[in-house]
C-alpha atoms as a PDB file:
ATOM      1  CA  MET A   1      89.244 -75.652  40.795  1.00  0.00           C
ATOM      2  CA  LEU A   2      91.664 -77.057  43.355  1.00  0.00           C
ATOM      3  CA  LYS A   3      94.354 -74.759  41.956  1.00  0.00           C
ATOM      4  CA  CYS A   4      92.065 -71.780  42.517  1.00  0.00           C
ATOM      5  CA  CYS A   5      91.474 -72.948  46.097  1.00  0.00           C
ATOM      6  CA  ALA A   6      95.197 -73.369  46.597  1.00  0.00           C
ATOM      7  CA  THR A   7      95.823 -69.858  45.268  1.00  0.00           C
ATOM      8  CA  ILE A   8      93.369 -68.446  47.802  1.00  0.00           C
ATOM      9  CA  HIS A   9      95.048 -70.494  50.523  1.00  0.00           C
ATOM     10  CA  TYR A  10      98.448 -69.184  49.444  1.00  0.00           C
ATOM     11  CA  MET A  11      97.259 -65.571  49.333  1.00  0.00           C
ATOM     12  CA  LYS A  12      95.872 -65.806  52.840  1.00  0.00           C
ATOM     13  CA  ASN A  13      98.970 -67.644  54.128  1.00  0.00           C
ATOM     14  CA  PRO A  14     101.955 -66.593  51.981  1.00  0.00           C
ATOM     15  CA  THR A  15     104.496 -68.143  54.358  1.00  0.00           C
ATOM     16  CA  ARG A  16     103.179 -71.664  53.797  1.00  0.00           C
ATOM     17  CA  PRO A  17     104.376 -73.690  50.803  1.00  0.00           C
ATOM     18  CA  LEU A  18     101.990 -74.071  47.886  1.00  0.00           C
ATOM     19  CA  LYS A  19     101.193 -77.799  48.062  1.00  0.00           C
ATOM     20  CA  TRP A  20      97.675 -77.817  46.748  1.00  0.00           C
ATOM     21  CA  ARG A  21      97.468 -81.594  46.351  1.00  0.00           C
ATOM     22  CA  GLN A  22      98.314 -82.303  49.983  1.00  0.00           C
ATOM     23  CA  ASN A  23      96.164 -79.441  51.272  1.00  0.00           C
ATOM     24  CA  ALA A  24      93.070 -80.282  49.236  1.00  0.00           C
ATOM     25  CA  ILE A  25      90.791 -80.650  52.254  1.00  0.00           C
ATOM     26  CA  LEU A  26      92.125 -77.541  53.982  1.00  0.00           C
ATOM     27  CA  THR A  27      91.842 -75.365  50.893  1.00  0.00           C
ATOM     28  CA  THR A  28      88.337 -76.626  50.197  1.00  0.00           C
ATOM     29  CA  CYS A  29      87.201 -75.731  53.711  1.00  0.00           C
ATOM     30  CA  GLU A  30      88.867 -72.303  53.509  1.00  0.00           C
ATOM     31  CA  PHE A  31      87.251 -71.752  50.117  1.00  0.00           C
ATOM     32  CA  ILE A  32      83.826 -72.367  51.647  1.00  0.00           C
ATOM     33  CA  VAL A  33      84.557 -70.224  54.719  1.00  0.00           C
ATOM     34  CA  TYR A  34      85.919 -67.425  52.526  1.00  0.00           C
ATOM     35  CA  HIS A  35      82.728 -67.214  50.491  1.00  0.00           C
ATOM     36  CA  ILE A  36      80.535 -67.465  53.597  1.00  0.00           C
ATOM     37  CA  GLU A  37      82.389 -64.538  55.137  1.00  0.00           C
ATOM     38  CA  ARG A  38      81.993 -62.523  51.966  1.00  0.00           C
ATOM     39  CA  SER A  39      78.297 -63.318  51.767  1.00  0.00           C
ATOM     40  CA  SER A  40      77.798 -62.211  55.367  1.00  0.00           C
ATOM     41  CA  THR A  41      79.394 -58.800  54.795  1.00  0.00           C
ATOM     42  CA  ARG A  42      77.770 -57.976  51.507  1.00  0.00           C
ATOM     43  CA  LYS A  43      75.080 -59.545  49.429  1.00  0.00           C
ATOM     44  CA  PRO A  44      76.590 -61.499  46.501  1.00  0.00           C
ATOM     45  CA  SER A  45      75.132 -61.438  43.055  1.00  0.00           C
ATOM     46  CA  LEU A  46      72.963 -64.195  41.627  1.00  0.00           C
ATOM     47  CA  LEU A  47      75.804 -65.464  39.421  1.00  0.00           C
ATOM     48  CA  LYS A  48      78.120 -65.813  42.384  1.00  0.00           C
ATOM     49  CA  ARG A  49      75.446 -67.652  44.308  1.00  0.00           C
ATOM     50  CA  LYS A  50      75.079 -70.157  41.499  1.00  0.00           C
ATOM     51  CA  ILE A  51      78.848 -70.609  41.280  1.00  0.00           C
ATOM     52  CA  ILE A  52      79.080 -71.299  45.017  1.00  0.00           C
ATOM     53  CA  LEU A  53      76.037 -73.594  44.897  1.00  0.00           C
ATOM     54  CA  PHE A  54      77.517 -75.781  42.151  1.00  0.00           C
ATOM     55  CA  THR A  55      81.164 -75.590  43.247  1.00  0.00           C
ATOM     56  CA  ILE A  56      80.763 -77.073  46.714  1.00  0.00           C
ATOM     57  CA  PRO A  57      79.080 -80.360  45.584  1.00  0.00           C
ATOM     58  CA  PHE A  58      81.576 -80.638  42.753  1.00  0.00           C
ATOM     59  CA  LEU A  59      84.511 -80.359  45.162  1.00  0.00           C
ATOM     60  CA  CYS A  60      82.959 -82.877  47.544  1.00  0.00           C
ATOM     61  CA  ALA A  61      82.396 -85.373  44.728  1.00  0.00           C
ATOM     62  CA  LEU A  62      85.935 -84.815  43.456  1.00  0.00           C
ATOM     63  CA  PHE A  63      87.331 -85.439  46.909  1.00  0.00           C
ATOM     64  CA  LEU A  64      85.337 -88.669  47.339  1.00  0.00           C
ATOM     65  CA  ILE A  65      86.443 -89.969  43.938  1.00  0.00           C
ATOM     66  CA  SER A  66      90.102 -89.216  44.650  1.00  0.00           C
ATOM     67  CA  ALA A  67      89.836 -90.855  48.087  1.00  0.00           C
ATOM     68  CA  LYS A  68      88.242 -93.934  46.544  1.00  0.00           C
ATOM     69  CA  LEU A  69      90.948 -94.252  43.899  1.00  0.00           C
ATOM     70  CA  SER A  70      93.858 -93.718  46.283  1.00  0.00           C
ATOM     71  CA  CYS A  71      92.735 -95.004  49.674  1.00  0.00           C
ATOM     72  CA  VAL A  72      95.743 -95.043  51.997  1.00  0.00           C
ATOM     73  CA  PHE A  73      94.089 -95.649  55.347  1.00  0.00           C
ATOM     74  CA  HIS A  74      91.395 -98.327  55.186  1.00  0.00           C
ATOM     75  CA  PHE A  75      88.361 -98.293  57.467  1.00  0.00           C
ATOM     76  CA  TYR A  76      86.993-101.847  57.597  1.00  0.00           C
ATOM     77  CA  ASP A  77      83.435-102.742  58.440  1.00  0.00           C
ATOM     78  CA  LEU A  78      82.203-105.831  60.308  1.00  0.00           C
ATOM     79  CA  HIS A  79      82.722-107.986  57.205  1.00  0.00           C
ATOM     80  CA  GLY A  80      86.340-106.993  56.544  1.00  0.00           C
ATOM     81  CA  ARG A  81      85.724-104.624  53.623  1.00  0.00           C
ATOM     82  CA  CYS A  82      86.877-101.014  53.470  1.00  0.00           C
ATOM     83  CA  ARG A  83      84.040 -98.497  53.632  1.00  0.00           C
ATOM     84  CA  ILE A  84      85.733 -96.230  51.091  1.00  0.00           C
ATOM     85  CA  CYS A  85      87.364 -98.437  48.434  1.00  0.00           C
ATOM     86  CA  THR A  86      85.804-101.892  49.279  1.00  0.00           C
ATOM     87  CA  HIS A  87      89.285-103.356  49.818  1.00  0.00           C
ATOM     88  CA  GLU A  88      89.218-106.703  51.626  1.00  0.00           C
ATOM     89  CA  TYR A  89      91.297-107.176  54.755  1.00  0.00           C
ATOM     90  CA  ASP A  90      94.457-109.237  54.167  1.00  0.00           C
ATOM     91  CA  VAL A  91      94.501-112.076  56.692  1.00  0.00           C
ATOM     92  CA  GLU A  92      98.033-113.114  57.655  1.00  0.00           C
ATOM     93  CA  ILE A  93      98.018-116.926  57.743  1.00  0.00           C
ATOM     94  CA  ILE A  94     100.325-118.922  60.023  1.00  0.00           C
ATOM     95  CA  GLN A  95     100.847-122.278  58.328  1.00  0.00           C
ATOM     96  CA  PHE A  96     101.279-125.616  60.076  1.00  0.00           C
ATOM     97  CA  ALA A  97     101.123-129.281  59.150  1.00  0.00           C
ATOM     98  CA  ASN A  98      97.812-131.027  58.460  1.00  0.00           C
ATOM     99  CA  THR A  99      96.122-131.317  61.869  1.00  0.00           C
ATOM    100  CA  ARG A 100      92.832-133.034  62.584  1.00  0.00           C
ATOM    101  CA  PHE A 101      90.241-131.013  64.472  1.00  0.00           C
ATOM    102  CA  TYR A 102      86.742-131.981  65.611  1.00  0.00           C
ATOM    103  CA  SER A 103      83.488-130.080  65.754  1.00  0.00           C
ATOM    104  CA  ILE A 104      82.495-129.408  69.377  1.00  0.00           C
ATOM    105  CA  ARG A 105      79.114-127.802  68.763  1.00  0.00           C
ATOM    106  CA  ASN A 106      76.440-129.832  70.488  1.00  0.00           C
ATOM    107  CA  ILE A 107      73.042-130.675  69.086  1.00  0.00           C
ATOM    108  CA  ASP A 108      71.314-127.801  70.909  1.00  0.00           C
ATOM    109  CA  ARG A 109      73.577-125.169  69.329  1.00  0.00           C
ATOM    110  CA  GLY A 110      73.335-126.677  65.868  1.00  0.00           C
ATOM    111  CA  TYR A 111      76.014-127.518  63.316  1.00  0.00           C
ATOM    112  CA  THR A 112      79.437-125.946  62.845  1.00  0.00           C
ATOM    113  CA  PRO A 113      79.449-123.753  59.717  1.00  0.00           C
ATOM    114  CA  ILE A 114      82.371-123.733  57.289  1.00  0.00           C
ATOM    115  CA  ARG A 115      82.613-120.359  55.563  1.00  0.00           C
ATOM    116  CA  TYR A 116      84.190-118.947  52.423  1.00  0.00           C
ATOM    117  CA  ARG A 117      85.644-115.959  54.307  1.00  0.00           C
ATOM    118  CA  PRO A 118      86.671-115.603  57.966  1.00  0.00           C
ATOM    119  CA  TYR A 119      83.547-113.619  58.843  1.00  0.00           C
ATOM    120  CA  GLN A 120      80.066-114.470  60.068  1.00  0.00           C
ATOM    121  CA  GLU A 121      78.238-113.170  57.034  1.00  0.00           C
ATOM    122  CA  PHE A 122      74.900-114.077  55.593  1.00  0.00           C
ATOM    123  CA  ASN A 123      75.177-116.407  52.558  1.00  0.00           C
ATOM    124  CA  ASN A 124      78.813-117.146  53.482  1.00  0.00           C
ATOM    125  CA  THR A 125      78.425-120.821  54.408  1.00  0.00           C
ATOM    126  CA  ALA A 126      80.182-123.423  52.278  1.00  0.00           C
ATOM    127  CA  ASP A 127      79.418-126.543  54.333  1.00  0.00           C
ATOM    128  CA  MET A 128      78.293-127.727  57.758  1.00  0.00           C
ATOM    129  CA  LEU A 129      79.950-130.049  60.294  1.00  0.00           C
ATOM    130  CA  SER A 130      77.940-132.244  62.604  1.00  0.00           C
ATOM    131  CA  PHE A 131      78.865-132.826  66.233  1.00  0.00           C
ATOM    132  CA  GLY A 132      82.160-134.740  66.505  1.00  0.00           C
ATOM    133  CA  GLU A 133      82.904-134.663  62.756  1.00  0.00           C
ATOM    134  CA  SER A 134      86.568-134.224  61.865  1.00  0.00           C
ATOM    135  CA  ILE A 135      88.194-131.654  59.582  1.00  0.00           C
ATOM    136  CA  ILE A 136      91.775-131.047  58.433  1.00  0.00           C
ATOM    137  CA  ILE A 137      93.275-127.661  59.391  1.00  0.00           C
ATOM    138  CA  VAL A 138      96.416-126.264  57.713  1.00  0.00           C
ATOM    139  CA  GLY A 139      96.717-122.750  59.210  1.00  0.00           C
ATOM    140  CA  ARG A 140      95.221-119.997  61.310  1.00  0.00           C
ATOM    141  CA  GLY A 141      94.784-116.231  61.075  1.00  0.00           C
ATOM    142  CA  TYR A 142      93.005-113.209  62.532  1.00  0.00           C
ATOM    143  CA  ASN A 143      90.406-111.171  60.675  1.00  0.00           C
ATOM    144  CA  SER A 144      89.919-107.398  60.868  1.00  0.00           C
ATOM    145  CA  ARG A 145      88.025-107.779  64.154  1.00  0.00           C
ATOM    146  CA  ARG A 146      90.954-109.772  65.641  1.00  0.00           C
ATOM    147  CA  ASN A 147      88.961-113.001  65.843  1.00  0.00           C
ATOM    148  CA  ARG A 148      90.882-116.241  65.385  1.00  0.00           C
ATOM    149  CA  TRP A 149      89.867-118.412  62.454  1.00  0.00           C
ATOM    150  CA  TYR A 150      91.304-121.696  61.161  1.00  0.00           C
ATOM    151  CA  LYS A 151      91.889-122.425  57.491  1.00  0.00           C
ATOM    152  CA  THR A 152      90.970-125.839  56.124  1.00  0.00           C
ATOM    153  CA  ASN A 153      92.881-127.886  53.584  1.00  0.00           C
ATOM    154  CA  ASN A 154      90.388-126.938  50.838  1.00  0.00           C
ATOM    155  CA  GLY A 155      90.725-123.182  51.416  1.00  0.00           C
ATOM    156  CA  TYR A 156      87.643-122.546  53.591  1.00  0.00           C
ATOM    157  CA  TRP A 157      87.479-121.062  57.089  1.00  0.00           C
ATOM    158  CA  VAL A 158      86.018-122.191  60.406  1.00  0.00           C
ATOM    159  CA  TYR A 159      85.776-120.257  63.670  1.00  0.00           C
ATOM    160  CA  SER A 160      88.184-121.305  66.403  1.00  0.00           C
ATOM    161  CA  GLY A 161      85.466-121.518  69.053  1.00  0.00           C
ATOM    162  CA  ASN A 162      83.589-124.222  67.138  1.00  0.00           C
ATOM    163  CA  ILE A 163      86.359-126.828  66.777  1.00  0.00           C
ATOM    164  CA  SER A 164      88.965-128.497  68.977  1.00  0.00           C
ATOM    165  CA  ARG A 165      91.866-130.906  68.551  1.00  0.00           C
ATOM    166  CA  ILE A 166      90.341-133.208  71.186  1.00  0.00           C
ATOM    167  CA  HIS A 167      87.386-135.347  70.207  1.00  0.00           C
ATOM    168  CA  PRO A 168      84.340-134.425  72.329  1.00  0.00           C
ATOM    169  CA  GLU A 169      83.932-138.031  73.467  1.00  0.00           C
ATOM    170  CA  ASN A 170      87.591-138.422  74.541  1.00  0.00           C
ATOM    171  CA  PRO A 171      88.813-137.442  78.027  1.00  0.00           C
ATOM    172  CA  ILE A 172      90.490-134.038  78.294  1.00  0.00           C
ATOM    173  CA  CYS A 173      94.015-133.842  79.660  1.00  0.00           C
ATOM    174  CA  VAL A 174      94.085-132.110  83.052  1.00  0.00           C
ATOM    175  CA  ARG A 175      97.439-130.343  82.659  1.00  0.00           C
ATOM    176  CA  THR A 176      99.188-130.740  79.320  1.00  0.00           C
ATOM    177  CA  CYS A 177      99.090-133.296  76.562  1.00  0.00           C
ATOM    178  CA  ASN A 178     101.813-135.923  76.363  1.00  0.00           C
ATOM    179  CA  PHE A 179     102.688-135.890  72.662  1.00  0.00           C
ATOM    180  CA  ILE A 180     104.473-138.947  71.304  1.00  0.00           C
ATOM    181  CA  ASN A 181     105.255-138.894  67.580  1.00  0.00           C
ATOM    182  CA  GLY A 182     102.762-136.103  66.988  1.00  0.00           C
ATOM    183  CA  ARG A 183      99.829-137.540  68.975  1.00  0.00           C
ATOM    184  CA  CYS A 184      98.803-137.308  72.617  1.00  0.00           C
ATOM    185  CA  SER A 185      98.819-140.652  74.409  1.00  0.00           C
ATOM    186  CA  ASN A 186      95.896-139.632  76.666  1.00  0.00           C
ATOM    187  CA  CYS A 187      93.337-137.666  74.636  1.00  0.00           C
ATOM    188  CA  GLY A 188      94.501-138.531  71.107  1.00  0.00           C
ATOM    189  CA  ALA A 189      94.945-134.895  70.027  1.00  0.00           C
ATOM    190  CA  GLU A 190      97.436-134.188  67.235  1.00  0.00           C
ATOM    191  CA  SER A 191     100.249-131.729  67.862  1.00  0.00           C
ATOM    192  CA  ILE A 192     100.505-128.533  65.818  1.00  0.00           C
ATOM    193  CA  ILE A 193     103.715-128.492  63.753  1.00  0.00           C
ATOM    194  CA  TYR A 194     104.511-125.035  62.417  1.00  0.00           C
ATOM    195  CA  ILE A 195     105.899-124.721  58.892  1.00  0.00           C
ATOM    196  CA  THR A 196     108.663-122.544  57.530  1.00  0.00           C
ATOM    197  CA  PRO A 197     107.360-121.721  54.026  1.00  0.00           C
ATOM    198  CA  THR A 198     109.762-121.412  51.093  1.00  0.00           C
ATOM    199  CA  ILE A 199     109.445-120.781  47.376  1.00  0.00           C
ATOM    200  CA  ASN A 200     108.607-123.726  45.131  1.00  0.00           C
ATOM    201  CA  THR A 201     111.839-125.647  44.518  1.00  0.00           C
ATOM    202  CA  LEU A 202     112.360-128.611  42.225  1.00  0.00           C
ATOM    203  CA  PHE A 203     113.978-131.744  43.680  1.00  0.00           C
ATOM    204  CA  PHE A 204     114.387-135.379  42.668  1.00  0.00           C
ATOM    205  CA  ALA A 205     113.421-138.371  44.773  1.00  0.00           C
ATOM    206  CA  LYS A 206     115.996-141.053  45.556  1.00  0.00           C
ATOM    207  CA  LEU A 207     116.254-144.301  47.483  1.00  0.00           C
ATOM    208  CA  ASN A 208     116.253-144.068  51.258  1.00  0.00           C
ATOM    209  CA  SER A 209     119.012-145.291  53.570  1.00  0.00           C
ATOM    210  CA  TYR A 210     117.608-148.852  53.487  1.00  0.00           C
ATOM    211  CA  GLY A 211     117.635-149.012  49.680  1.00  0.00           C
ATOM    212  CA  ALA A 212     113.838-148.817  49.425  1.00  0.00           C
ATOM    213  CA  LEU A 213     111.611-146.320  47.639  1.00  0.00           C
ATOM    214  CA  ALA A 214     111.053-142.909  49.215  1.00  0.00           C
ATOM    215  CA  PRO A 215     107.828-142.987  51.303  1.00  0.00           C
ATOM    216  CA  VAL A 216     105.403-140.049  51.382  1.00  0.00           C
ATOM    217  CA  ARG A 217     103.378-139.571  54.569  1.00  0.00           C
ATOM    218  CA  ALA A 218     100.398-137.469  55.637  1.00  0.00           C
ATOM    219  CA  ARG A 219     102.231-135.758  58.526  1.00  0.00           C
ATOM    220  CA  PRO A 220     105.927-135.187  59.296  1.00  0.00           C
ATOM    221  CA  PHE A 221     106.288-138.224  61.526  1.00  0.00           C
ATOM    222  CA  GLY A 222     107.697-141.657  60.763  1.00  0.00           C
ATOM    223  CA  ASN A 223     104.888-143.523  62.531  1.00  0.00           C
ATOM    224  CA  TYR A 224     102.180-142.266  60.155  1.00  0.00           C
ATOM    225  CA  CYS A 225     101.058-144.608  57.409  1.00  0.00           C
ATOM    226  CA  VAL A 226     102.694-144.378  53.986  1.00  0.00           C
ATOM    227  CA  LEU A 227     100.378-142.848  51.390  1.00  0.00           C
ATOM    228  CA  TYR A 228     102.553-143.816  48.417  1.00  0.00           C
ATOM    229  CA  SER A 229     106.200-144.199  47.445  1.00  0.00           C
ATOM    230  CA  LEU A 230     108.280-142.322  44.883  1.00  0.00           C
ATOM    231  CA  LEU A 231     110.536-143.923  42.322  1.00  0.00           C
ATOM    232  CA  PRO A 232     114.098-142.587  42.082  1.00  0.00           C
ATOM    233  CA  GLY A 233     114.262-139.627  39.739  1.00  0.00           C
ATOM    234  CA  THR A 234     110.662-138.543  40.307  1.00  0.00           C
ATOM    235  CA  GLU A 235     110.346-134.762  40.209  1.00  0.00           C
ATOM    236  CA  ILE A 236     108.866-133.219  43.358  1.00  0.00           C
ATOM    237  CA  ILE A 237     108.111-129.620  44.362  1.00  0.00           C
ATOM    238  CA  ILE A 238     109.053-128.560  47.912  1.00  0.00           C
ATOM    239  CA  ASN A 239     107.420-125.437  49.398  1.00  0.00           C
ATOM    240  CA  GLY A 240     108.099-125.703  53.143  1.00  0.00           C
ATOM    241  CA  TYR A 241     109.986-127.387  55.978  1.00  0.00           C
ATOM    242  CA  ALA A 242     109.139-128.455  59.527  1.00  0.00           C
ATOM    243  CA  ARG A 243     110.674-130.016  62.637  1.00  0.00           C
ATOM    244  CA  GLU A 244     114.078-128.333  62.356  1.00  0.00           C
ATOM    245  CA  TYR A 245     114.198-128.812  58.566  1.00  0.00           C
ATOM    246  CA  ARG A 246     114.096-132.605  58.870  1.00  0.00           C
ATOM    247  CA  TRP A 247     110.821-132.950  56.951  1.00  0.00           C
ATOM    248  CA  ALA A 248     109.787-131.225  53.728  1.00  0.00           C
ATOM    249  CA  ARG A 249     106.283-130.445  52.512  1.00  0.00           C
ATOM    250  CA  LEU A 250     105.325-131.325  48.966  1.00  0.00           C
ATOM    251  CA  SER A 251     103.153-129.093  46.801  1.00  0.00           C
ATOM    252  CA  CYS A 252     100.233-131.486  47.356  1.00  0.00           C
ATOM    253  CA  GLY A 253     100.458-131.063  51.158  1.00  0.00           C
ATOM    254  CA  ASN A 254     102.055-134.419  52.021  1.00  0.00           C
ATOM    255  CA  TRP A 255     105.475-134.897  53.628  1.00  0.00           C
ATOM    256  CA  ILE A 256     108.785-136.539  52.784  1.00  0.00           C
ATOM    257  CA  TYR A 257     111.984-136.951  54.783  1.00  0.00           C
ATOM    258  CA  VAL A 258     114.861-134.704  53.708  1.00  0.00           C
ATOM    259  CA  ASP A 259     117.259-137.616  53.169  1.00  0.00           C
ATOM    260  CA  ASN A 260     114.960-139.126  50.552  1.00  0.00           C
ATOM    261  CA  PHE A 261     115.413-136.444  47.885  1.00  0.00           C
ATOM    262  CA  SER A 262     118.161-134.338  46.379  1.00  0.00           C
ATOM    263  CA  ASN A 263     118.629-131.518  43.907  1.00  0.00           C
ATOM    264  CA  GLU A 264     120.939-133.654  41.731  1.00  0.00           C
ATOM    265  CA  TYR A 265     119.758-136.091  39.097  1.00  0.00           C
ATOM    266  CA  PHE A 266     121.886-139.185  39.775  1.00  0.00           C
ATOM    267  CA  LEU A 267     123.077-141.645  37.163  1.00  0.00           C
ATOM    268  CA  GLU A 268     121.196-144.427  38.908  1.00  0.00           C
ATOM    269  CA  ASN A 269     117.942-142.595  38.205  1.00  0.00           C
ATOM    270  CA  ILE A 270     118.776-142.530  34.502  1.00  0.00           C
ATOM    271  CA  LEU A 271     119.556-146.260  34.541  1.00  0.00           C
ATOM    272  CA  ILE A 272     116.300-147.086  36.326  1.00  0.00           C
ATOM    273  CA  LYS A 273     114.321-145.056  33.805  1.00  0.00           C
ATOM    274  CA  PHE A 274     116.150-146.779  30.967  1.00  0.00           C
ATOM    275  CA  ILE A 275     115.276-150.182  32.438  1.00  0.00           C
ATOM    276  CA  ARG A 276     111.626-149.150  32.721  1.00  0.00           C
ATOM    277  CA  ILE A 277     111.588-148.077  29.067  1.00  0.00           C
ATOM    278  CA  VAL A 278     113.185-151.362  27.989  1.00  0.00           C
ATOM    279  CA  LEU A 279     110.660-153.396  29.975  1.00  0.00           C
ATOM    280  CA  SER A 280     107.731-151.475  28.489  1.00  0.00           C
ATOM    281  CA  MET A 281     109.122-151.985  24.987  1.00  0.00           C
ATOM    282  CA  SER A 282     109.579-155.679  25.638  1.00  0.00           C
ATOM    283  CA  LEU A 283     105.926-156.014  26.599  1.00  0.00           C
ATOM    284  CA  LYS A 284     104.833-154.222  23.425  1.00  0.00           C
ATOM    285  CA  LEU A 285     107.105-156.232  21.124  1.00  0.00           C
ATOM    286  CA  GLN A 286     106.544-159.579  22.817  1.00  0.00           C
ATOM    287  CA  HIS A 287     103.927-160.647  20.238  1.00  0.00           C
ATOM    288  CA  CYS A 288     106.527-160.554  17.417  1.00  0.00           C
ATOM    289  CA  THR A 289     109.256-162.486  19.213  1.00  0.00           C
ATOM    290  CA  ARG A 290     110.006-166.181  19.241  1.00  0.00           C
ATOM    291  CA  TYR A 291     111.259-166.181  22.783  1.00  0.00           C
ATOM    292  CA  SER A 292     109.771-164.133  25.617  1.00  0.00           C
ATOM    293  CA  ILE A 293     113.030-162.440  26.573  1.00  0.00           C
ATOM    294  CA  GLY A 294     111.952-158.947  25.488  1.00  0.00           C
ATOM    295  CA  ILE A 295     114.268-158.734  22.402  1.00  0.00           C
ATOM    296  CA  PRO A 296     112.624-159.182  18.988  1.00  0.00           C
ATOM    297  CA  LEU A 297     114.275-161.749  16.697  1.00  0.00           C
ATOM    298  CA  LEU A 298     114.089-161.455  12.957  1.00  0.00           C
ATOM    299  CA  GLU A 299     113.185-164.574  10.925  1.00  0.00           C
END
């Protein structure tokens, strides 16, 4: 049917190229106008009336189906979904290190909702935050309505107007915060450290410059408490860097200093693993030994 419309369009405009796929809307409109003009000059037969009556809805339905299957320009509604193909708006997320925020909604305004998607939809609430309750934020982005939302460490979203880095009971800095090692000395707010994301890369932990185990911290600062330490030779996955590539982010979200890992598997790591295997074997075979030196003796 579109080819017939394109043929009519080409006959009326022979100088134009015959691109019936690109001119589907134009040819459809000219097809309708052509038959209306013919019907105004002379009375069409009953068969032609039926053909026109069934052709126009068929062309409209065909156009809507083709637009739904190949939607190039999306028209998003208030909830971030395209009105034609129901495509969801892709939120571009700016990542930064784990930063603690606090709910600033007072008791009169209610609780701060945590949502599955960055939109104020009905039945879109995952959890609620009470006044002054803390939450860990790992990134921010803008939805289709250009509203700023923050992404939590568990993948949910919270509106930027409902949280703040400063606790509601702490004094607010008049000018700017004085950040020392990632924390303001006046209001206690944590600084936002932006991340340069990379692909997942395999590395191996090693001893630090003092000969101790490699510490893993919650934020890329040396004054934060050590969550745990890594034995030499432990495999780690790095997916981002911060603070001029001096700190690296692990796949679990924690941080390690760049001097505490390498992409080479050193001989000392093999020796340490061998010693660990020998010690574990000595504990298992200790019941059949005469002396508790870890080496079984035969009678």
